[in-house]
Amino acid sequence: MNAGILAAAGIISKVIGLLYRSPLANIIGDEGNGYYGAAYEIYAIVLLISSYSIPSAMSKIISARLAVGEYKTAQRIFRCALVYVTIVGIIGSLFLFFGADFLAAGRASTVLRFFAPTIFIFGFLGVLRGYFQAQRTMIPSSVSQILEQILNAVVSVGAAFYLTQMIGTGDEHKRAMYGAIGSALGTGAGVLIALFFMLHIYLFNRKEIHKRLETDDHRVLPDRDIYKMIIMIVTPFILSTAIYNLSSSLNATLFSRILMHVRGVDEARVASMYGIFNGKSKIITSLPIALSSAAASAMLPEVSGLLAKGDKKGASETISKVTKVILLIAIPSAVGLFALAKPFIMILFPQRASIAEAALLLQYLAITVVFYSLSTISNAVLQGIGKVNTPVINAFVALIVQTGILAVLLLFTDLGGVALCIVTIVYSLLMCILNGLALKRSITTNNDIKKTYVLPTIAAAVMGVFAYLSYVLVNFISFIIGRSGKIAAISADLPFSDYMYSSYFVNLIAAIVAMIVAIVVYFVVLIRTGGASENEIRRIPKGYVLVRILKKVKVIR
């Protein structure tokens, strides 16, 4: 249920993110997207080091205490964590602001400075989210995510539009930079509203929290021991998540600096290439990956709690169930993105000049959905069972390999954005393999290879073929009808038919039909081959609705 709540919030947030990025791309262009994307990747890594790991770390520490009834110690940990994030938040914000020129290249450094205040604010939000997640209450965190994304979308688009209009059309490069600054302001506004919401929830539950504290007669740990515990637990989380996510920011830095300063490529062109990769193709793949992150976040307290009670079998069963459910979604998502890459790009980012390039990059990145989904789960499990250093080592090894490959590709080839796709695939695959091997040595899981990997892959492959063919068929039928419609419109003087049969409208209808066909074919093949049972489908977020539909169409009896 927790995974379902977080996954639903993650999906809604990602959908909002995708929807607002489309008008934003129209306002700031690929160049502005590039400046924003490069600055955001640097901001994200500083955020990870200073504050972003706090929810997972707090969830782990506090849930272990709550599992054995130490409520006073859990509350003291919460208060000490607030002091901790105040200190590191100030340090992180100052580092980002004054070190922007060193961290980012060209105009992206100016955009980066506008992210600095958000670093400080996010620390408090992270502590509050981790506090409620530790108590198996995912609704506050989920609602705050949605509120954060909504305000982010509104302010990003509004501020970008206002700032670009203020600059006018005289200097397109400056206009693109100011548009990216507007989007950065939206990120901060979203975090601020989420913090206000979480603070309201905490104050609303304060009386209930104090009542529970009165029932606790355990010895309370002193602040000194708590700070030591926080540092000991948070540090591996920080190293793990920082190195695990450092690849994106490092790739952005290498991409811009090598192409600009070594290969002599114009800054605007470099920004446009990175904007297409990061702001269009990569962001689409983040939607299905969000499910894995949500499942991992929800699973971590449960696995930690079970292990604290010595229930290794229960922890193993939880891991196996989550892995199976995530792959039931990740594998068809990857195939669907590959088969319908161009239609999706045309719907979300219909700027004709970059459609072909963005679609090609999306096809390359599709496979990373599976790899990142698996590695995200295994990363969380290794942390949950106490192997906190293992993901750090694995991420570091993968980072070194992918960085070397990227440098070579950028120096000696003209692959551009494709080079970024290649190293993203390499990194996600290495993390998947290394974490998987470490997990096998640490805990026994009962994953059925055939039902978990093979049958979903076969069902997804069949689904991909039918989805693509149905898309082509609808386009062909629309073309025939469109020709006759235009002929009729000439004699009847009805210009509306030109809109009815425009390429965007036809593509939208064809893509919707293809997705419906894909869902039906995938589950029909999956169930008929024995790849999933009714109970397993119910574990998918909102799976009970899917089961009800499948029963009506006689796929499940």
Protein backbone atom coordinates (compact mmCIF):
# COMPACT_ATOMS: atom_id res chain seq x y z
CA MET A 1 0.00 0.00 0.00
CA ASN A 2 2.85 2.36 0.88
CA ALA A 3 4.49 1.65 -2.46
CA GLY A 4 1.19 2.30 -4.18
CA ILE A 5 0.71 5.65 -2.44
CA LEU A 6 4.24 6.84 -3.16
CA ALA A 7 4.14 5.46 -6.69
CA ALA A 8 0.86 7.24 -7.41
CA ALA A 9 2.32 10.50 -6.09
CA GLY A 10 5.48 9.92 -8.08
CA ILE A 11 3.52 9.27 -11.26
CA ILE A 12 1.33 12.34 -10.76
CA SER A 13 4.40 14.48 -10.06
CA LYS A 14 6.21 13.16 -13.11
CA VAL A 15 3.16 13.65 -15.32
CA ILE A 16 2.86 17.24 -14.12
CA GLY A 17 6.58 17.62 -14.78
CA LEU A 18 6.23 16.31 -18.31
CA LEU A 19 3.20 18.47 -19.04
CA TYR A 20 4.74 21.72 -17.91
CA ARG A 21 8.07 20.99 -19.61
CA SER A 22 6.31 21.12 -22.96
CA PRO A 23 5.19 24.79 -22.74
CA LEU A 24 8.45 25.59 -20.96
CA ALA A 25 10.43 24.18 -23.88
CA ASN A 26 8.41 26.39 -26.23
CA ILE A 27 9.29 29.44 -24.13
CA ILE A 28 13.01 28.89 -23.46
CA GLY A 29 13.89 26.61 -26.40
CA ASP A 30 16.48 23.82 -26.52
CA GLU A 31 19.24 26.25 -25.60
CA GLY A 32 17.44 27.40 -22.45
CA ASN A 33 16.65 23.79 -21.63
CA GLY A 34 20.35 23.06 -21.87
CA TYR A 35 21.32 25.85 -19.46
CA TYR A 36 18.62 24.79 -17.01
CA GLY A 37 19.49 21.09 -17.32
CA ALA A 38 23.21 21.61 -16.78
CA ALA A 39 22.60 23.87 -13.77
CA TYR A 40 19.97 21.52 -12.33
CA GLU A 41 22.31 18.51 -12.46
CA ILE A 42 24.92 20.40 -10.39
CA TYR A 43 22.23 21.63 -7.99
CA ALA A 44 20.91 18.07 -7.66
CA ILE A 45 24.27 16.65 -6.63
CA VAL A 46 24.85 19.39 -4.02
CA LEU A 47 21.30 18.79 -2.79
CA LEU A 48 21.99 15.07 -2.53
CA ILE A 49 25.09 15.68 -0.46
CA SER A 50 23.52 18.27 1.84
CA SER A 51 19.87 17.29 2.24
CA TYR A 52 18.35 14.83 -0.22
CA SER A 53 19.56 11.70 1.58
CA ILE A 54 17.93 12.85 4.81
CA PRO A 55 14.45 11.30 4.18
CA SER A 56 15.88 7.82 3.57
CA ALA A 57 18.37 8.07 6.41
CA MET A 58 15.81 9.42 8.90
CA SER A 59 13.33 6.78 7.76
CA LYS A 60 15.86 4.05 8.48
CA ILE A 61 17.01 5.40 11.87
CA ILE A 62 13.60 6.34 13.24
CA SER A 63 11.76 3.24 11.95
CA ALA A 64 14.25 1.00 13.75
CA ARG A 65 13.52 2.82 17.02
CA LEU A 66 9.77 2.82 16.52
CA ALA A 67 9.82 -0.93 15.83
CA VAL A 68 10.98 -1.53 19.42
CA GLY A 69 8.84 1.21 21.02
CA GLU A 70 11.57 3.81 21.68
CA TYR A 71 9.36 6.80 20.86
CA LYS A 72 11.27 9.38 22.90
CA THR A 73 14.56 8.51 21.24
CA ALA A 74 12.89 8.67 17.83
CA GLN A 75 11.57 12.16 18.64
CA ARG A 76 14.98 13.28 19.88
CA ILE A 77 16.54 12.01 16.64
CA PHE A 78 14.01 14.09 14.70
CA ARG A 79 14.98 17.27 16.58
CA CYS A 80 18.71 16.66 16.23
CA ALA A 81 18.22 16.07 12.50
CA LEU A 82 16.70 19.55 12.18
CA VAL A 83 19.85 21.05 13.69
CA TYR A 84 21.99 18.93 11.38
CA VAL A 85 20.23 20.05 8.18
CA THR A 86 20.37 23.70 9.28
CA ILE A 87 24.16 23.55 9.39
CA VAL A 88 24.72 21.53 6.22
CA GLY A 89 22.02 23.51 4.39
CA ILE A 90 23.81 26.79 5.00
CA ILE A 91 27.13 25.30 3.91
CA GLY A 92 25.58 23.78 0.77
CA SER A 93 23.81 27.00 -0.24
CA LEU A 94 26.95 29.12 0.16
CA PHE A 95 29.05 26.58 -1.73
CA LEU A 96 26.61 26.51 -4.64
CA PHE A 97 26.32 30.28 -4.85
CA PHE A 98 29.99 31.21 -4.61
CA GLY A 99 31.28 28.15 -6.47
CA ALA A 100 28.89 28.40 -9.43
CA ASP A 101 31.58 29.51 -11.91
CA PHE A 102 33.74 26.53 -10.97
CA LEU A 103 30.90 24.02 -10.97
CA ALA A 104 29.14 25.00 -14.22
CA ALA A 105 30.33 26.34 -17.57
CA GLY A 106 29.22 29.52 -19.30
CA ARG A 107 25.71 30.85 -18.85
CA ALA A 108 24.67 27.77 -16.85
CA SER A 109 26.70 29.12 -13.88
CA THR A 110 24.41 32.17 -13.66
CA VAL A 111 21.35 29.91 -13.62
CA LEU A 112 22.98 27.74 -10.95
CA ARG A 113 23.17 30.61 -8.43
CA PHE A 114 19.37 30.87 -8.37
CA PHE A 115 19.19 27.29 -7.06
CA ALA A 116 21.27 28.11 -3.95
CA PRO A 117 18.42 29.12 -1.56
CA THR A 118 16.54 25.90 -2.37
CA ILE A 119 19.40 23.84 -0.89
CA PHE A 120 18.78 25.36 2.55
CA ILE A 121 15.00 25.01 2.40
CA PHE A 122 14.99 21.40 1.25
CA GLY A 123 16.81 20.10 4.34
CA PHE A 124 13.85 20.79 6.63
CA LEU A 125 11.45 19.30 4.10
CA GLY A 126 13.59 16.16 3.91
CA VAL A 127 13.60 15.65 7.68
CA LEU A 128 9.81 15.98 7.88
CA ARG A 129 9.29 13.55 5.01
CA GLY A 130 11.63 11.00 6.54
CA TYR A 131 9.88 11.36 9.91
CA PHE A 132 6.48 10.43 8.50
CA GLN A 133 7.84 7.74 6.16
CA ALA A 134 9.42 6.03 9.17
CA GLN A 135 5.95 5.73 10.69
CA ARG A 136 4.61 4.07 7.53
CA THR A 137 2.54 7.17 6.75
CA MET A 138 3.24 7.96 3.12
CA ILE A 139 0.28 10.24 2.41
CA PRO A 140 1.86 13.48 3.76
CA SER A 141 5.03 12.96 1.72
CA SER A 142 3.01 12.03 -1.35
CA VAL A 143 0.71 15.06 -1.15
CA SER A 144 3.69 17.35 -0.55
CA GLN A 145 5.36 15.96 -3.69
CA ILE A 146 2.29 16.77 -5.77
CA LEU A 147 1.97 20.27 -4.29
CA GLU A 148 5.66 20.84 -4.88
CA GLN A 149 5.38 19.88 -8.54
CA ILE A 150 2.21 21.90 -9.15
CA LEU A 151 3.70 25.14 -7.83
CA ASN A 152 6.97 24.33 -9.56
CA ALA A 153 5.11 24.04 -12.86
CA VAL A 154 3.10 27.25 -12.41
CA VAL A 155 6.02 29.39 -11.27
CA SER A 156 8.49 27.89 -13.76
CA VAL A 157 6.32 28.59 -16.79
CA GLY A 158 5.10 31.95 -15.48
CA ALA A 159 8.53 33.23 -14.44
CA ALA A 160 10.18 31.95 -17.63
CA PHE A 161 7.55 33.68 -19.76
CA TYR A 162 7.83 36.95 -17.82
CA LEU A 163 11.64 37.05 -17.89
CA THR A 164 11.91 36.15 -21.57
CA GLN A 165 9.35 38.80 -22.45
CA MET A 166 11.30 41.30 -20.40
CA ILE A 167 14.46 40.57 -22.40
CA GLY A 168 12.64 40.61 -25.74
CA THR A 169 14.00 39.14 -28.97
CA GLY A 170 17.22 41.15 -29.26
CA ASP A 171 19.63 38.66 -27.65
CA GLU A 172 18.40 35.07 -28.05
CA HIS A 173 21.19 33.62 -25.88
CA LYS A 174 20.44 35.99 -22.98
CA ARG A 175 16.74 35.32 -23.47
CA ALA A 176 17.33 31.57 -23.17
CA MET A 177 19.40 32.06 -20.01
CA TYR A 178 16.74 34.23 -18.33
CA GLY A 179 14.10 31.66 -19.24
CA ALA A 180 16.20 29.00 -17.49
CA ILE A 181 16.47 31.29 -14.44
CA GLY A 182 12.67 31.49 -14.32
CA SER A 183 12.47 27.70 -14.26
CA ALA A 184 15.03 27.60 -11.43
CA LEU A 185 12.83 29.96 -9.40
CA GLY A 186 9.96 27.53 -9.92
CA THR A 187 11.98 24.71 -8.35
CA GLY A 188 12.51 26.77 -5.19
CA ALA A 189 8.87 27.83 -4.99
CA GLY A 190 7.76 24.19 -5.19
CA VAL A 191 10.05 23.13 -2.33
CA LEU A 192 8.83 26.04 -0.19
CA ILE A 193 5.13 25.18 -0.52
CA ALA A 194 5.88 21.51 0.21
CA LEU A 195 7.74 22.53 3.38
CA PHE A 196 4.79 24.63 4.58
CA PHE A 197 2.44 21.70 3.99
CA MET A 198 4.61 19.17 5.86
CA LEU A 199 5.06 21.60 8.74
CA HIS A 200 1.27 22.02 8.95
CA ILE A 201 0.82 18.22 9.07
CA TYR A 202 3.38 17.90 11.85
CA LEU A 203 1.78 20.63 13.96
CA PHE A 204 -1.65 19.08 13.39
CA ASN A 205 -0.38 15.73 14.79
CA ARG A 206 1.69 17.22 17.62
CA LYS A 207 -0.77 16.31 20.40
CA GLU A 208 -0.95 12.68 19.26
CA ILE A 209 2.83 12.53 19.10
CA HIS A 210 3.18 13.80 22.68
CA LYS A 211 0.60 11.29 23.94
CA ARG A 212 2.63 8.45 22.51
CA LEU A 213 5.80 9.82 24.11
CA GLU A 214 4.21 9.60 27.55
CA THR A 215 3.83 5.81 27.18
CA ASP A 216 7.54 5.30 26.52
CA ASP A 217 9.72 4.35 29.53
CA HIS A 218 12.87 3.43 27.56
CA ARG A 219 16.15 5.19 28.19
CA VAL A 220 16.59 8.17 25.86
CA LEU A 221 19.87 8.41 24.00
CA PRO A 222 21.88 11.58 24.71
CA ASP A 223 22.25 14.16 21.94
CA ARG A 224 25.92 13.37 21.53
CA ASP A 225 25.20 9.73 20.68
CA ILE A 226 22.32 10.75 18.38
CA TYR A 227 24.47 13.16 16.38
CA LYS A 228 27.10 10.45 16.08
CA MET A 229 24.44 8.01 14.89
CA ILE A 230 23.06 10.50 12.35
CA ILE A 231 26.52 11.18 10.95
CA MET A 232 27.39 7.46 10.83
CA ILE A 233 24.14 6.59 9.04
CA VAL A 234 23.75 9.68 6.86
CA THR A 235 27.34 9.70 5.61
CA PRO A 236 27.11 6.33 3.78
CA PHE A 237 23.69 7.38 2.46
CA ILE A 238 25.21 10.62 1.21
CA LEU A 239 28.19 8.89 -0.38
CA SER A 240 25.98 6.24 -1.92
CA THR A 241 23.33 8.54 -3.36
CA ALA A 242 25.86 11.22 -4.33
CA ILE A 243 28.15 8.88 -6.23
CA TYR A 244 25.13 6.97 -7.55
CA ASN A 245 23.74 10.20 -9.02
CA LEU A 246 27.02 11.98 -9.71
CA SER A 247 27.08 10.54 -13.22
CA SER A 248 24.44 12.98 -14.53
CA SER A 249 26.12 16.14 -13.20
CA LEU A 250 29.57 14.89 -14.19
CA ASN A 251 28.32 14.05 -17.66
CA ALA A 252 26.82 17.54 -18.02
CA THR A 253 30.08 19.16 -16.96
CA LEU A 254 32.26 17.01 -19.22
CA PHE A 255 29.87 17.41 -22.14
CA SER A 256 29.91 21.21 -22.01
CA ARG A 257 33.57 21.74 -21.13
CA ILE A 258 35.06 19.24 -23.61
CA LEU A 259 32.88 20.31 -26.52
CA MET A 260 33.25 24.03 -25.79
CA HIS A 261 36.89 24.28 -24.72
CA VAL A 262 38.50 21.32 -26.51
CA ARG A 263 36.39 20.72 -29.61
CA GLY A 264 35.54 24.42 -30.08
CA VAL A 265 31.78 23.93 -30.40
CA ASP A 266 29.64 27.05 -29.88
CA GLU A 267 28.12 27.33 -26.37
CA ALA A 268 24.59 27.77 -27.71
CA ARG A 269 24.91 24.59 -29.82
CA VAL A 270 26.28 22.60 -26.87
CA ALA A 271 23.41 23.84 -24.68
CA SER A 272 20.86 22.89 -27.36
CA MET A 273 22.24 19.36 -27.68
CA TYR A 274 22.22 18.88 -23.93
CA GLY A 275 18.75 20.44 -23.71
CA ILE A 276 17.37 17.88 -26.17
CA PHE A 277 18.98 14.99 -24.28
CA ASN A 278 18.19 16.07 -20.73
CA GLY A 279 15.10 18.24 -21.16
CA LYS A 280 13.23 16.04 -23.62
CA SER A 281 14.42 12.44 -24.01
CA LYS A 282 15.74 11.71 -20.53
CA ILE A 283 12.84 13.31 -18.70
CA ILE A 284 10.36 10.97 -20.40
CA THR A 285 12.21 7.90 -19.07
CA SER A 286 11.98 9.32 -15.54
CA LEU A 287 8.26 8.52 -15.34
CA PRO A 288 8.49 4.70 -15.11
CA ILE A 289 11.71 4.94 -13.07
CA ALA A 290 9.75 6.97 -10.50
CA LEU A 291 7.81 3.80 -9.67
CA SER A 292 11.04 2.05 -8.64
CA SER A 293 12.15 4.96 -6.49
CA ALA A 294 8.75 5.05 -4.79
CA ALA A 295 8.78 1.31 -4.15
CA ALA A 296 12.33 1.48 -2.78
CA SER A 297 11.45 4.37 -0.44
CA ALA A 298 8.41 2.52 0.89
CA MET A 299 10.24 -0.80 1.17
CA LEU A 300 13.24 0.50 3.13
CA PRO A 301 11.48 1.05 6.51
CA GLU A 302 9.70 -2.30 6.22
CA VAL A 303 12.91 -4.23 5.43
CA SER A 304 14.77 -2.41 8.23
CA GLY A 305 11.96 -3.14 10.69
CA LEU A 306 11.79 -6.83 9.77
CA LEU A 307 15.55 -7.25 10.08
CA ALA A 308 15.51 -5.41 13.43
CA LYS A 309 13.11 -8.13 14.63
CA GLY A 310 15.27 -10.87 13.08
CA ASP A 311 12.72 -11.79 10.41
CA LYS A 312 15.03 -12.45 7.45
CA LYS A 313 12.43 -14.56 5.66
CA GLY A 314 9.89 -11.75 5.75
CA ALA A 315 12.46 -9.27 4.48
CA SER A 316 13.37 -11.62 1.62
CA GLU A 317 9.73 -12.08 0.61
CA THR A 318 9.17 -8.32 0.61
CA ILE A 319 12.17 -7.78 -1.67
CA SER A 320 11.04 -10.49 -4.11
CA LYS A 321 7.50 -9.13 -4.32
CA VAL A 322 8.64 -5.57 -4.95
CA THR A 323 11.12 -6.69 -7.62
CA LYS A 324 8.47 -8.70 -9.46
CA VAL A 325 5.94 -5.87 -9.43
CA ILE A 326 8.47 -3.28 -10.61
CA LEU A 327 9.61 -5.44 -13.52
CA LEU A 328 6.00 -6.03 -14.56
CA ILE A 329 5.94 -2.28 -15.17
CA ALA A 330 9.55 -1.45 -16.13
CA ILE A 331 9.98 -4.01 -18.94
CA PRO A 332 6.86 -3.05 -20.97
CA SER A 333 7.60 0.62 -20.28
CA ALA A 334 11.04 0.27 -21.86
CA VAL A 335 9.64 -1.55 -24.90
CA GLY A 336 6.81 0.96 -25.26
CA LEU A 337 9.18 3.92 -25.16
CA PHE A 338 11.33 2.32 -27.84
CA ALA A 339 8.43 1.42 -30.14
CA LEU A 340 6.60 4.75 -29.80
CA ALA A 341 9.52 7.11 -29.19
CA LYS A 342 8.71 9.53 -32.01
CA PRO A 343 4.97 9.73 -31.26
CA PHE A 344 5.68 10.54 -27.60
CA ILE A 345 8.20 13.22 -28.52
CA MET A 346 5.75 14.74 -31.05
CA ILE A 347 3.05 14.93 -28.37
CA LEU A 348 5.15 16.36 -25.56
CA PHE A 349 7.75 18.40 -27.43
CA PRO A 350 6.41 19.19 -30.92
CA GLN A 351 9.27 21.51 -31.92
CA ARG A 352 9.90 20.15 -35.40
CA ALA A 353 13.61 20.98 -35.56
CA SER A 354 14.51 18.52 -32.78
CA ILE A 355 11.84 15.78 -33.01
CA ALA A 356 13.99 13.28 -34.91
CA GLU A 357 17.02 13.76 -32.65
CA ALA A 358 15.01 13.59 -29.43
CA ALA A 359 13.18 10.43 -30.60
CA LEU A 360 16.47 8.70 -31.44
CA LEU A 361 17.92 9.53 -28.02
CA LEU A 362 14.75 8.29 -26.33
CA GLN A 363 15.06 4.93 -28.09
CA TYR A 364 18.61 4.60 -26.79
CA LEU A 365 17.57 5.53 -23.26
CA ALA A 366 14.55 3.20 -23.15
CA ILE A 367 16.60 0.22 -21.95
CA THR A 368 17.85 2.21 -18.95
CA VAL A 369 14.33 2.09 -17.50
CA VAL A 370 14.85 -1.60 -16.67
CA PHE A 371 18.42 -1.21 -15.47
CA TYR A 372 17.71 1.80 -13.26
CA SER A 373 14.58 0.18 -11.85
CA LEU A 374 16.50 -2.90 -10.74
CA SER A 375 19.52 -1.00 -9.45
CA THR A 376 17.35 1.45 -7.49
CA ILE A 377 15.67 -1.41 -5.65
CA SER A 378 18.90 -3.32 -5.02
CA ASN A 379 20.56 -0.11 -3.81
CA ALA A 380 17.78 0.44 -1.25
CA VAL A 381 17.86 -3.21 -0.12
CA LEU A 382 21.63 -3.19 0.41
CA GLN A 383 21.28 -0.08 2.54
CA GLY A 384 18.35 -1.58 4.43
CA ILE A 385 20.26 -4.76 5.35
CA GLY A 386 23.26 -2.81 6.59
CA LYS A 387 25.49 -3.11 3.51
CA VAL A 388 25.65 0.67 3.22
CA ASN A 389 29.15 0.79 1.77
CA THR A 390 28.54 -1.71 -1.02
CA PRO A 391 26.42 0.58 -3.24
CA VAL A 392 29.04 3.31 -2.76
CA ILE A 393 31.81 1.07 -4.08
CA ASN A 394 29.66 -0.20 -6.94
CA ALA A 395 28.60 3.31 -7.93
CA PHE A 396 32.20 4.51 -7.81
CA VAL A 397 33.38 1.70 -10.09
CA ALA A 398 30.55 2.34 -12.56
CA LEU A 399 31.25 6.09 -12.43
CA ILE A 400 34.92 5.65 -13.32
CA VAL A 401 34.11 3.36 -16.24
CA GLN A 402 31.37 5.58 -17.71
CA THR A 403 33.42 8.77 -17.27
CA GLY A 404 36.34 7.29 -19.20
CA ILE A 405 34.05 6.13 -21.99
CA LEU A 406 32.34 9.54 -22.21
CA ALA A 407 35.65 11.41 -22.40
CA VAL A 408 36.83 9.19 -25.25
CA LEU A 409 33.55 9.50 -27.16
CA LEU A 410 33.47 13.29 -26.84
CA LEU A 411 37.13 13.75 -27.78
CA PHE A 412 37.28 11.42 -30.75
CA THR A 413 33.75 11.17 -32.17
CA ASP A 414 30.94 13.49 -33.21
CA LEU A 415 28.16 11.49 -31.53
CA GLY A 416 26.95 14.43 -29.44
CA GLY A 417 23.86 13.49 -27.45
CA VAL A 418 24.21 9.81 -28.46
CA ALA A 419 27.45 9.70 -26.44
CA LEU A 420 25.47 10.72 -23.35
CA CYS A 421 22.97 7.94 -24.05
CA ILE A 422 25.71 5.33 -24.41
CA VAL A 423 27.34 6.14 -21.08
CA THR A 424 23.94 6.32 -19.36
CA ILE A 425 23.26 2.78 -20.55
CA VAL A 426 26.73 1.61 -19.44
CA TYR A 427 26.37 3.18 -16.00
CA SER A 428 22.87 1.83 -15.31
CA LEU A 429 23.86 -1.65 -16.52
CA LEU A 430 26.99 -1.77 -14.37
CA MET A 431 25.05 -0.65 -11.30
CA CYS A 432 22.42 -3.28 -12.00
CA ILE A 433 25.01 -6.08 -12.31
CA LEU A 434 27.26 -5.05 -9.40
CA ASN A 435 24.38 -4.45 -6.98
CA GLY A 436 22.72 -7.70 -8.05
CA LEU A 437 25.86 -9.72 -7.35
CA ALA A 438 26.29 -8.05 -3.95
CA LEU A 439 22.67 -8.72 -3.07
CA LYS A 440 23.00 -12.43 -3.85
CA ARG A 441 25.91 -12.67 -1.42
CA SER A 442 24.01 -10.88 1.34
CA ILE A 443 20.42 -12.13 1.37
CA THR A 444 18.47 -14.95 -0.22
CA THR A 445 15.66 -13.93 -2.56
CA ASN A 446 13.19 -16.23 -4.25
CA ASN A 447 12.82 -14.63 -7.66
CA ASP A 448 11.47 -16.99 -10.31
CA ILE A 449 13.66 -16.19 -13.34
CA LYS A 450 11.06 -17.32 -15.85
CA LYS A 451 8.11 -15.45 -14.31
CA THR A 452 10.08 -12.41 -13.20
CA TYR A 453 12.23 -11.77 -16.28
CA VAL A 454 11.56 -14.06 -19.26
CA LEU A 455 7.77 -14.05 -19.60
CA PRO A 456 7.34 -10.28 -19.02
CA THR A 457 10.02 -9.68 -21.68
CA ILE A 458 8.24 -11.92 -24.20
CA ALA A 459 4.88 -10.29 -23.46
CA ALA A 460 6.45 -6.83 -23.80
CA ALA A 461 8.08 -7.70 -27.13
CA VAL A 462 4.75 -8.87 -28.57
CA MET A 463 3.14 -5.76 -27.13
CA GLY A 464 5.73 -3.52 -28.83
CA VAL A 465 5.04 -5.02 -32.25
CA PHE A 466 1.27 -4.63 -31.91
CA ALA A 467 1.62 -1.09 -30.54
CA TYR A 468 3.79 0.05 -33.44
CA LEU A 469 1.60 -1.63 -36.08
CA SER A 470 -1.57 -0.15 -34.60
CA TYR A 471 0.04 3.30 -34.60
CA VAL A 472 0.99 2.94 -38.27
CA LEU A 473 -2.49 1.61 -39.15
CA VAL A 474 -4.30 4.55 -37.50
CA ASN A 475 -1.98 6.99 -39.27
CA PHE A 476 -2.65 5.32 -42.60
CA ILE A 477 -6.42 5.37 -42.10
CA SER A 478 -6.24 9.02 -41.01
CA PHE A 479 -4.21 9.86 -44.11
CA ILE A 480 -6.85 8.33 -46.39
CA ILE A 481 -9.71 10.02 -44.55
CA GLY A 482 -7.73 13.26 -44.39
CA ARG A 483 -7.25 13.39 -48.15
CA SER A 484 -10.96 12.93 -48.79
CA GLY A 485 -11.76 15.44 -46.04
CA LYS A 486 -9.57 18.10 -47.59
CA ILE A 487 -11.12 17.53 -51.01
CA ALA A 488 -14.58 17.95 -49.49
CA ALA A 489 -13.44 21.04 -47.60
CA ILE A 490 -12.29 22.74 -50.81
CA SER A 491 -15.79 22.56 -52.27
CA ALA A 492 -17.57 23.29 -48.98
CA ASP A 493 -15.09 25.97 -47.83
CA LEU A 494 -14.55 24.32 -44.40
CA PRO A 495 -11.02 25.16 -43.15
CA PHE A 496 -11.73 23.30 -39.88
CA SER A 497 -10.83 20.04 -41.62
CA ASP A 498 -7.25 21.26 -42.00
CA TYR A 499 -7.02 21.28 -38.21
CA MET A 500 -8.85 17.98 -37.82
CA TYR A 501 -6.34 16.20 -40.01
CA SER A 502 -3.19 18.04 -38.88
CA SER A 503 -0.16 15.86 -38.10
CA TYR A 504 -0.27 16.63 -34.35
CA PHE A 505 -3.93 15.66 -33.99
CA VAL A 506 -3.50 12.43 -35.95
CA ASN A 507 -0.35 11.53 -34.02
CA LEU A 508 -2.14 12.08 -30.70
CA ILE A 509 -5.08 9.84 -31.64
CA ALA A 510 -2.80 7.18 -33.10
CA ALA A 511 -0.59 7.17 -30.00
CA ILE A 512 -3.58 6.84 -27.66
CA VAL A 513 -4.93 3.91 -29.68
CA ALA A 514 -1.47 2.30 -29.72
CA MET A 515 -1.13 2.62 -25.94
CA ILE A 516 -4.55 1.05 -25.35
CA VAL A 517 -3.66 -1.82 -27.67
CA ALA A 518 -0.30 -2.17 -25.91
CA ILE A 519 -1.85 -2.50 -22.44
CA VAL A 520 -4.40 -5.08 -23.60
CA VAL A 521 -1.90 -7.18 -25.58
CA TYR A 522 0.71 -7.10 -22.81
CA PHE A 523 -1.58 -8.39 -20.08
CA VAL A 524 -3.29 -10.92 -22.34
CA VAL A 525 0.06 -12.47 -23.34
CA LEU A 526 1.46 -12.18 -19.81
CA ILE A 527 -1.50 -13.88 -18.16
CA ARG A 528 -1.98 -16.53 -20.85
CA THR A 529 1.70 -17.55 -20.62
CA GLY A 530 1.54 -17.71 -16.83
CA GLY A 531 3.78 -14.68 -16.31
CA ALA A 532 1.52 -13.10 -13.69
CA SER A 533 -1.31 -14.16 -11.43
CA GLU A 534 -4.29 -12.12 -10.32
CA ASN A 535 -2.69 -11.49 -6.91
CA GLU A 536 0.52 -10.26 -8.51
CA ILE A 537 -1.34 -7.84 -10.76
CA ARG A 538 -3.20 -6.52 -7.71
CA ARG A 539 0.18 -5.51 -6.21
CA ILE A 540 0.69 -3.06 -9.05
CA PRO A 541 -0.37 0.45 -7.99
CA LYS A 542 -4.14 0.61 -8.67
CA GLY A 543 -3.90 -3.02 -9.74
CA TYR A 544 -7.34 -3.82 -8.40
CA VAL A 545 -8.82 -1.53 -11.07
CA LEU A 546 -6.80 -3.32 -13.73
CA VAL A 547 -7.96 -6.72 -12.46
CA ARG A 548 -11.58 -5.59 -12.60
CA ILE A 549 -11.18 -4.50 -16.24
CA LEU A 550 -9.36 -7.71 -17.19
CA LYS A 551 -12.16 -9.77 -15.67
CA LYS A 552 -14.79 -7.87 -17.63
CA VAL A 553 -13.00 -8.60 -20.93
CA LYS A 554 -12.54 -12.26 -19.87
CA VAL A 555 -8.73 -12.12 -19.80
CA ILE A 556 -8.87 -13.19 -16.13
CA ARG A 557 -11.52 -15.68 -15.16
